[in-house]
Amino acid sequence: MTPGDGASERRRWEEAGPEELARLAGQRPGELFAAAEQLCAEASGEEFGGSLAVRTVGRIAEALAETRSPGCAAYAVDIVGRLLPSGTVAWEEGDRIRRSVAARLAKVQPLRNLEPLFGQVPDGLHDSEVETRACLLGELALLGTGTGRARMDAYAERLRTLGHPLAWLPETRLDIEHRFMVRVRGLGSVKTLRQLRARFPEVPPSETGADAGLHAVGVPDDARAQAAARPFVAGGWARTPEARFFVLPAPIEPGDFGTALLQRLPLDCLEGDGAAVACVTTPDDVLNELFSAAYHGGAGGQGQGGAYARLFAWESLYALMGLPADVPFLEAVRATPDHRWVRFLASTPWFHHDTADLGLAVLDPSRTRVAVLAATDTDVTLSDASARP
């Protein structure tokens, strides 16, 4: 199978399976690159059919990224950073391909194959080549590697100078991030009140908490709410998350921060007569849930890749804690034990009780400020279809 002109040749590449692409990447990577180059040229300017061609190019780039050699790594980055047309496919699809290729390169290629890709520091950020390399550095940071190499360090420093959003993140994985991308068999998402009670210690009822919730005052903050909800919005969860902030009339004890308080706040997610459960959790659990929401994506959305899922998770955690972006990460981590972290769930119409439900609440160190974030997801299309007669 060799690249050539005509619809039949293009169709052969579109129908090529993963095994065939992997074999060619190992034996004749130059031919794969030439095919991708031709497909990109054909896709440019196409109103229809371009998306399929770009997805095919993405599969070619992924196959090259997973083949351990300097040439294959360079081909993969060149395809998604330089060749991939941006005008023929939704920008989200291009992002997905770039992030997927970056993740595969980070996991498969040794650093000696990747360092040559960072030979020239960028002049600006509005460039797919720069974005691809920024994602690659972000994926390497999640794996705890990528630092200590002169070219890569210089590139990362230039990204910080230019203000790339991923450059805000720590250069290496922090201990609080130890659960990122780790799946434990039998521990999926919490969908029921029973599951929540079984996995986390429940907060007992409290009259003091109920009274504090009844007299709480809402503090609208659109920018903070958007940052808190970003992992779920970016991942395409089915429902727009609810992010709200409140001030209590007086400090409360951590043990009073539970459903008795939450159910008296004016929250859409808890509106109704359904039962509710609140359980104590930990900062690393909260951060992992925020990361997973963006990393895996919703039933009707798509995963955002490790680098951006990490960014959205930290932005959300900072928003929940009420921290400005210039607070150093280790300082933020040191502050997490001073907060009270709670997971909650309710049998109310707001939650879908299907694919994933999540309620988070945070009490700040002053014991007077509360942040609440609720999200729910489902396969809306499937649910709609099953509801039809």
Protein backbone atom coordinates (compact mmCIF):
# COMPACT_ATOMS: atom_id res chain seq x y z
CA MET A 1 0.00 0.00 0.00
CA THR A 2 1.65 3.21 -1.18
CA PRO A 3 0.42 6.79 -1.35
CA GLY A 4 -0.92 7.91 -4.70
CA ASP A 5 -3.55 9.95 -6.45
CA GLY A 6 -7.23 9.19 -6.66
CA ALA A 7 -10.15 8.41 -4.41
CA SER A 8 -9.38 4.67 -4.33
CA GLU A 9 -5.92 5.24 -2.88
CA ARG A 10 -7.30 7.60 -0.30
CA ARG A 11 -9.96 5.06 0.62
CA ARG A 12 -7.31 2.41 1.19
CA TRP A 13 -5.62 4.62 3.79
CA GLU A 14 -8.93 5.45 5.43
CA GLU A 15 -9.74 1.73 5.74
CA ALA A 16 -6.30 0.68 6.98
CA GLY A 17 -6.51 -0.92 10.41
CA PRO A 18 -4.27 -0.28 13.44
CA GLU A 19 -2.13 -3.37 12.81
CA GLU A 20 -1.42 -2.38 9.22
CA LEU A 21 -0.53 1.17 10.19
CA ALA A 22 1.73 -0.08 13.00
CA ARG A 23 3.51 -2.43 10.60
CA LEU A 24 4.12 0.31 8.07
CA ALA A 25 5.27 2.72 10.77
CA GLY A 26 7.90 0.20 11.77
CA GLN A 27 9.02 -0.79 8.27
CA ARG A 28 8.31 2.16 5.95
CA PRO A 29 7.56 5.28 8.03
CA GLY A 30 8.44 7.57 5.14
CA GLU A 31 5.56 6.17 3.12
CA LEU A 32 3.15 6.78 5.98
CA PHE A 33 4.34 10.37 6.26
CA ALA A 34 3.94 10.86 2.50
CA ALA A 35 0.41 9.46 2.69
CA ALA A 36 -0.44 11.83 5.55
CA GLU A 37 1.03 14.73 3.58
CA GLN A 38 -1.12 13.89 0.58
CA LEU A 39 -4.28 13.43 2.65
CA CYS A 40 -3.71 16.79 4.36
CA ALA A 41 -3.25 18.48 1.00
CA GLU A 42 -6.48 16.95 -0.28
CA ALA A 43 -8.38 17.83 2.87
CA SER A 44 -7.37 21.48 2.72
CA GLY A 45 -10.20 23.49 1.24
CA GLU A 46 -12.72 20.65 1.38
CA GLU A 47 -16.12 21.47 2.78
CA PHE A 48 -17.14 17.83 3.13
CA GLY A 49 -15.04 14.74 3.65
CA GLY A 50 -12.19 16.68 5.19
CA SER A 51 -13.02 15.49 8.68
CA LEU A 52 -12.63 11.85 7.67
CA ALA A 53 -9.31 12.60 6.00
CA VAL A 54 -8.06 14.45 9.07
CA ARG A 55 -9.08 11.59 11.34
CA THR A 56 -7.18 9.22 9.07
CA VAL A 57 -4.15 11.49 9.28
CA GLY A 58 -4.54 11.42 13.05
CA ARG A 59 -4.44 7.62 13.09
CA ILE A 60 -1.30 7.69 10.96
CA ALA A 61 0.35 10.17 13.32
CA GLU A 62 -0.63 8.04 16.33
CA ALA A 63 0.89 4.94 14.74
CA LEU A 64 4.13 6.80 14.09
CA ALA A 65 4.16 8.22 17.62
CA GLU A 66 3.96 4.70 19.05
CA THR A 67 6.91 3.44 17.00
CA ARG A 68 10.15 3.92 18.91
CA SER A 69 12.56 5.79 16.65
CA PRO A 70 13.72 9.40 16.27
CA GLY A 71 12.41 9.50 12.72
CA CYS A 72 8.92 8.30 13.64
CA ALA A 73 8.72 10.78 16.51
CA ALA A 74 9.72 13.62 14.18
CA TYR A 75 7.23 12.50 11.53
CA ALA A 76 4.38 12.35 14.08
CA VAL A 77 5.09 15.85 15.41
CA ASP A 78 5.49 17.25 11.90
CA ILE A 79 2.12 15.84 10.85
CA VAL A 80 0.08 17.26 13.72
CA GLY A 81 2.17 20.40 14.15
CA ARG A 82 2.66 21.47 10.56
CA LEU A 83 0.60 19.44 8.06
CA LEU A 84 -2.74 19.00 9.80
CA PRO A 85 -5.15 21.45 8.15
CA SER A 86 -7.04 23.63 10.61
CA GLY A 87 -9.77 24.96 8.36
CA THR A 88 -11.40 21.71 7.29
CA VAL A 89 -12.27 20.20 10.65
CA ALA A 90 -13.62 21.41 13.95
CA TRP A 91 -10.88 22.90 16.10
CA GLU A 92 -11.76 20.43 18.87
CA GLU A 93 -10.89 17.52 16.58
CA GLY A 94 -7.51 19.02 15.80
CA ASP A 95 -6.88 19.51 19.51
CA ARG A 96 -7.86 15.91 20.19
CA ILE A 97 -5.38 14.61 17.63
CA ARG A 98 -2.53 16.81 18.84
CA ARG A 99 -3.10 15.85 22.45
CA SER A 100 -3.43 12.16 21.63
CA VAL A 101 -0.18 12.15 19.67
CA ALA A 102 1.60 14.07 22.45
CA ALA A 103 0.45 11.53 25.05
CA ARG A 104 1.61 8.57 22.93
CA LEU A 105 4.97 10.16 22.28
CA ALA A 106 5.51 10.79 25.99
CA LYS A 107 4.63 7.22 26.94
CA VAL A 108 6.49 5.38 24.19
CA GLN A 109 9.46 7.40 22.98
CA PRO A 110 12.67 7.71 25.03
CA LEU A 111 13.73 11.26 25.81
CA ARG A 112 16.69 11.01 23.44
CA ASN A 113 14.18 10.70 20.58
CA LEU A 114 12.15 13.67 21.77
CA GLU A 115 14.79 16.24 22.69
CA PRO A 116 15.69 17.06 19.05
CA LEU A 117 12.08 18.20 18.55
CA PHE A 118 12.75 21.22 20.78
CA GLY A 119 15.73 22.65 18.91
CA GLN A 120 14.19 26.07 18.23
CA VAL A 121 12.33 28.11 20.84
CA PRO A 122 9.10 29.75 19.64
CA ASP A 123 8.53 33.43 18.90
CA GLY A 124 4.82 33.26 19.76
CA LEU A 125 2.03 30.94 20.85
CA HIS A 126 -0.44 31.02 17.96
CA ASP A 127 1.06 28.07 16.16
CA SER A 128 0.10 24.39 15.99
CA GLU A 129 3.77 23.39 16.17
CA VAL A 130 4.14 25.24 19.47
CA GLU A 131 0.89 23.80 20.82
CA THR A 132 1.99 20.26 19.98
CA ARG A 133 5.27 20.67 21.83
CA ALA A 134 3.59 22.36 24.79
CA CYS A 135 1.25 19.36 25.08
CA LEU A 136 4.20 17.00 24.85
CA LEU A 137 6.00 18.79 27.69
CA GLY A 138 2.79 18.69 29.70
CA GLU A 139 2.42 14.94 29.17
CA LEU A 140 6.06 14.37 30.15
CA ALA A 141 5.53 16.38 33.34
CA LEU A 142 2.65 14.06 34.27
CA LEU A 143 5.01 11.11 33.87
CA GLY A 144 7.59 12.83 36.07
CA THR A 145 10.13 13.25 33.31
CA GLY A 146 11.21 15.75 30.65
CA THR A 147 13.26 18.05 32.87
CA GLY A 148 17.05 18.21 32.98
CA ARG A 149 17.39 18.28 29.18
CA ALA A 150 18.81 21.58 27.95
CA ARG A 151 16.66 22.01 24.85
CA MET A 152 13.45 20.95 26.55
CA ASP A 153 14.11 23.12 29.60
CA ALA A 154 14.80 26.13 27.36
CA TYR A 155 11.59 25.51 25.43
CA ALA A 156 9.58 25.20 28.65
CA GLU A 157 11.06 28.43 29.99
CA ARG A 158 10.16 30.21 26.76
CA LEU A 159 6.57 28.98 27.07
CA ARG A 160 6.43 30.43 30.60
CA THR A 161 7.76 33.75 29.32
CA LEU A 162 5.15 33.81 26.56
CA GLY A 163 2.38 32.89 28.99
CA HIS A 164 1.25 29.55 27.58
CA PRO A 165 -1.48 28.19 29.92
CA LEU A 166 0.22 24.80 30.32
CA ALA A 167 3.42 26.51 31.44
CA TRP A 168 1.60 27.60 34.61
CA LEU A 169 1.64 24.00 35.86
CA PRO A 170 4.40 22.41 37.96
CA GLU A 171 7.27 21.01 35.90
CA THR A 172 6.85 17.59 37.45
CA ARG A 173 4.06 15.61 39.03
CA LEU A 174 3.23 16.47 42.65
CA ASP A 175 2.46 13.89 45.31
CA ILE A 176 -1.14 15.12 45.56
CA GLU A 177 -1.54 14.07 41.90
CA HIS A 178 -0.62 10.45 42.59
CA ARG A 179 -4.03 9.13 41.52
CA PHE A 180 -4.05 10.77 38.09
CA MET A 181 -4.66 8.25 35.27
CA VAL A 182 -4.79 5.38 37.79
CA ARG A 183 -7.86 3.16 37.58
CA VAL A 184 -8.63 0.79 40.45
CA ARG A 185 -10.61 -2.27 39.48
CA GLY A 186 -14.06 -2.19 41.04
CA LEU A 187 -13.90 1.50 41.91
CA GLY A 188 -15.78 3.35 39.22
CA SER A 189 -17.72 6.56 39.56
CA VAL A 190 -20.10 6.96 42.50
CA LYS A 191 -23.66 6.82 41.18
CA THR A 192 -25.78 6.10 44.25
CA LEU A 193 -26.09 7.30 47.83
CA ARG A 194 -25.31 3.77 48.98
CA GLN A 195 -22.03 3.71 47.07
CA LEU A 196 -21.04 7.08 48.53
CA ARG A 197 -21.73 5.89 52.09
CA ALA A 198 -19.78 2.69 51.48
CA ARG A 199 -16.62 4.46 50.30
CA PHE A 200 -16.46 7.63 52.44
CA PRO A 201 -17.26 8.49 56.10
CA GLU A 202 -20.67 10.17 56.32
CA VAL A 203 -21.13 13.50 58.10
CA PRO A 204 -23.81 13.14 60.83
CA PRO A 205 -26.78 15.55 60.96
CA SER A 206 -26.16 18.89 62.68
CA GLU A 207 -28.65 21.52 63.82
CA THR A 208 -25.86 24.09 63.93
CA GLY A 209 -25.03 23.33 60.31
CA ALA A 210 -28.68 23.59 59.31
CA ASP A 211 -28.99 26.99 60.93
CA ALA A 212 -25.76 28.21 59.28
CA GLY A 213 -26.99 27.09 55.86
CA LEU A 214 -30.35 28.78 56.36
CA HIS A 215 -28.67 32.14 57.00
CA ALA A 216 -25.89 31.84 54.40
CA VAL A 217 -25.51 34.61 51.84
CA GLY A 218 -24.68 33.91 48.22
CA VAL A 219 -21.60 35.54 46.67
CA PRO A 220 -21.92 35.60 42.86
CA ASP A 221 -18.62 35.28 40.99
CA ASP A 222 -18.96 34.27 37.33
CA ALA A 223 -15.22 34.02 36.61
CA ARG A 224 -14.62 31.82 39.63
CA ALA A 225 -17.64 29.66 38.79
CA GLN A 226 -16.41 29.14 35.22
CA ALA A 227 -12.97 28.11 36.45
CA ALA A 228 -14.47 25.68 38.96
CA ALA A 229 -16.71 24.07 36.32
CA ARG A 230 -14.10 23.93 33.54
CA PRO A 231 -13.16 20.21 33.83
CA PHE A 232 -16.76 19.19 33.24
CA VAL A 233 -17.50 21.76 30.55
CA ALA A 234 -14.31 20.92 28.66
CA GLY A 235 -14.98 17.19 28.96
CA GLY A 236 -18.48 17.61 27.53
CA TRP A 237 -20.50 16.43 30.52
CA ALA A 238 -24.21 16.35 29.73
CA ARG A 239 -25.37 19.09 32.07
CA THR A 240 -23.92 22.51 32.80
CA PRO A 241 -22.33 22.19 36.26
CA GLU A 242 -23.57 24.23 39.18
CA ALA A 243 -20.85 26.26 40.92
CA ARG A 244 -21.93 28.52 43.79
CA PHE A 245 -20.23 30.38 46.63
CA PHE A 246 -21.59 31.44 50.03
CA VAL A 247 -20.64 33.25 53.23
CA LEU A 248 -21.91 31.89 56.57
CA PRO A 249 -23.10 34.22 59.37
CA ALA A 250 -20.47 32.84 61.80
CA PRO A 251 -17.70 30.23 61.87
CA ILE A 252 -18.81 26.62 62.22
CA GLU A 253 -17.05 23.47 63.31
CA PRO A 254 -15.93 21.10 60.54
CA GLY A 255 -18.33 18.47 61.85
CA ASP A 256 -21.26 20.81 61.15
CA PHE A 257 -20.41 20.94 57.43
CA GLY A 258 -22.70 18.33 55.89
CA THR A 259 -26.09 17.75 54.27
CA ALA A 260 -27.94 19.65 57.01
CA LEU A 261 -26.09 22.79 55.87
CA LEU A 262 -26.00 22.06 52.14
CA GLN A 263 -29.71 21.29 51.85
CA ARG A 264 -30.57 24.74 53.18
CA LEU A 265 -28.47 26.56 50.61
CA PRO A 266 -30.30 27.78 47.48
CA LEU A 267 -28.80 25.08 45.25
CA ASP A 268 -30.56 23.80 42.13
CA CYS A 269 -28.90 20.39 42.48
CA LEU A 270 -30.49 19.83 45.93
CA GLU A 271 -33.90 21.26 45.14
CA GLY A 272 -36.69 18.81 45.93
CA ASP A 273 -37.56 16.33 48.63
CA GLY A 274 -35.01 13.66 47.75
CA ALA A 275 -32.59 12.19 50.26
CA ALA A 276 -29.02 13.50 50.36
CA VAL A 277 -25.73 12.20 51.72
CA ALA A 278 -22.54 14.13 52.48
CA CYS A 279 -19.25 12.42 53.28
CA VAL A 280 -15.80 13.65 54.27
CA THR A 281 -13.12 13.27 51.62
CA THR A 282 -9.55 14.39 50.94
CA PRO A 283 -7.94 17.00 48.65
CA ASP A 284 -6.26 14.37 46.47
CA ASP A 285 -9.63 12.68 45.91
CA VAL A 286 -11.19 15.98 44.87
CA LEU A 287 -8.30 16.86 42.56
CA ASN A 288 -8.42 13.40 40.99
CA GLU A 289 -12.16 13.69 40.32
CA LEU A 290 -11.62 17.05 38.64
CA PHE A 291 -8.78 15.60 36.55
CA SER A 292 -10.76 12.50 35.58
CA ALA A 293 -13.76 14.56 34.46
CA ALA A 294 -11.64 16.30 31.83
CA TYR A 295 -9.26 13.42 31.08
CA HIS A 296 -11.95 10.84 30.28
CA GLY A 297 -14.61 13.27 29.07
CA GLY A 298 -18.35 12.92 29.31
CA ALA A 299 -20.60 10.38 27.61
CA GLY A 300 -21.29 12.87 24.84
CA GLY A 301 -17.96 14.68 24.96
CA GLN A 302 -14.32 13.70 24.62
CA GLY A 303 -11.22 13.44 26.78
CA GLN A 304 -8.96 16.47 26.86
CA GLY A 305 -5.60 14.70 27.17
CA GLY A 306 -3.46 14.53 30.29
CA ALA A 307 -1.79 17.93 30.01
CA TYR A 308 -5.00 19.94 29.66
CA ALA A 309 -6.97 17.75 32.08
CA ARG A 310 -4.28 18.57 34.65
CA LEU A 311 -4.57 22.29 33.88
CA PHE A 312 -8.37 22.31 34.18
CA ALA A 313 -8.23 20.29 37.42
CA TRP A 314 -5.84 22.73 39.08
CA GLU A 315 -7.78 25.77 37.85
CA SER A 316 -10.91 24.25 39.35
CA LEU A 317 -9.23 23.42 42.67
CA TYR A 318 -7.83 26.94 42.96
CA ALA A 319 -11.32 28.32 42.27
CA LEU A 320 -12.89 26.09 44.92
CA MET A 321 -10.28 27.22 47.44
CA GLY A 322 -10.64 30.86 46.39
CA LEU A 323 -6.95 31.19 45.55
CA PRO A 324 -5.53 33.61 42.96
CA ALA A 325 -3.46 32.06 40.17
CA ASP A 326 -0.20 33.55 41.45
CA VAL A 327 -0.24 31.43 44.62
CA PRO A 328 2.57 28.82 44.23
CA PHE A 329 1.40 25.23 43.87
CA LEU A 330 3.22 23.91 46.93
CA GLU A 331 1.71 26.71 49.00
CA ALA A 332 -1.73 25.74 47.71
CA VAL A 333 -1.07 22.10 48.58
CA ARG A 334 0.04 23.05 52.09
CA ALA A 335 -3.24 24.92 52.53
CA THR A 336 -5.49 22.00 51.53
CA PRO A 337 -5.57 20.33 55.00
CA ASP A 338 -6.91 23.57 56.49
CA HIS A 339 -10.02 23.23 54.33
CA ARG A 340 -12.89 20.82 54.93
CA TRP A 341 -13.59 18.69 51.84
CA VAL A 342 -16.94 17.00 51.34
CA ARG A 343 -18.51 14.86 48.63
CA PHE A 344 -22.29 14.81 48.40
CA LEU A 345 -25.03 13.22 46.33
CA ALA A 346 -28.81 13.49 46.35
CA SER A 347 -31.86 11.72 44.97
CA THR A 348 -33.13 14.86 43.26
CA PRO A 349 -34.21 15.41 39.65
CA TRP A 350 -31.12 17.54 38.96
CA PHE A 351 -28.77 14.55 39.00
CA HIS A 352 -29.07 12.04 36.15
CA HIS A 353 -28.14 8.99 38.26
CA ASP A 354 -26.73 7.38 35.15
CA THR A 355 -23.13 7.64 33.93
CA ALA A 356 -21.61 9.85 36.62
CA ASP A 357 -22.76 12.18 39.39
CA LEU A 358 -20.51 14.33 41.55
CA GLY A 359 -21.10 16.87 44.29
CA LEU A 360 -18.22 18.68 45.99
CA ALA A 361 -18.29 21.22 48.81
CA VAL A 362 -15.40 23.05 50.46
CA LEU A 363 -15.28 24.97 53.74
CA ASP A 364 -12.40 27.43 53.94
CA PRO A 365 -10.00 27.82 56.92
CA SER A 366 -12.00 30.73 58.34
CA ARG A 367 -14.96 28.29 58.55
CA THR A 368 -17.21 30.98 57.08
CA ARG A 369 -16.85 30.57 53.30
CA VAL A 370 -18.36 27.71 51.32
CA ALA A 371 -17.83 26.66 47.70
CA VAL A 372 -20.14 24.10 46.05
CA LEU A 373 -19.66 22.34 42.72
CA ALA A 374 -22.10 19.78 41.31
CA ALA A 375 -21.94 17.92 38.00
CA THR A 376 -23.88 15.13 36.33
CA ASP A 377 -23.41 13.19 33.12
CA THR A 378 -25.35 10.74 31.01
CA ASP A 379 -25.58 9.45 27.47
CA VAL A 380 -28.30 11.91 26.47
CA THR A 381 -28.82 10.39 23.01
CA LEU A 382 -29.18 6.90 24.42
CA SER A 383 -31.53 8.11 27.15
CA ASP A 384 -33.67 9.96 24.62
CA ALA A 385 -33.77 6.96 22.32
CA SER A 386 -34.78 4.60 25.12
CA ALA A 387 -37.59 6.95 26.13
CA ARG A 388 -39.21 6.77 22.68
CA PRO A 389 -42.12 4.38 22.26
